[in-house]
Amino acid sequence: MKLKGHYSSREVAAETGLTARQLQWWDRRGLFVPSVPSHRTPAGGYTERRYTPIELIELLVLADLRRRGFSLARIRRLLAALRSRFRVRLFDAVEGSGDVTLFVDGLDIYARTAGGEYFNLLANPRQPLLVLGQEPKLRRLTAREQTAKPKPARAAMRPRGKAAPRA
């Protein structure tokens, strides 16, 4: 990924695996609004949404959560809890630059404060969790680039309805 000042919707879609339509829907519903929104031009068209590098990293995390099966409602709760409870944005919590670090266990997302307290951000972000013994088996939530899946070669594809020859 080449570091730039802003990324277009197409570039963000290519990096994250999200579609341009998803980005548009998230913008319209207020789930994730880009720093430079689309707007009408004097010629009657629309400009493309533009995202900062920080927003790109946040979208990489959100795309990864979607691939893991987290619903948009749960993602919305995560973003709201980070803003209201901890007063940080997602970037600060995943890149280690803030006082909060995010962890995931496959079902829920947890925040660990600099003081060592844990919070379940999707269940009750205001209530610290009681952790007994060792720290729980959680994986740190980080931004991961979408890995492109190789497409099958055209010659290997069969027309619909035709079965492969039997040996």
Foldseek 3Di string as FASTA:
>chain_A
DDADAKDFLVRLCQWQVNHSVVVVVCCVVVVQNAPAHWDADPVGHIDTGIHGPLSSFVSLLVSVVVVLPDDSVQSSLLQVLCCPVVNDGPSCQAVVVDQWHWWDDSPFIWIAGVVGWIATSRPDRVDTDDDPDDDDPTHTRGRDTDDDDDDDDPVPDDPPPDDDDDD
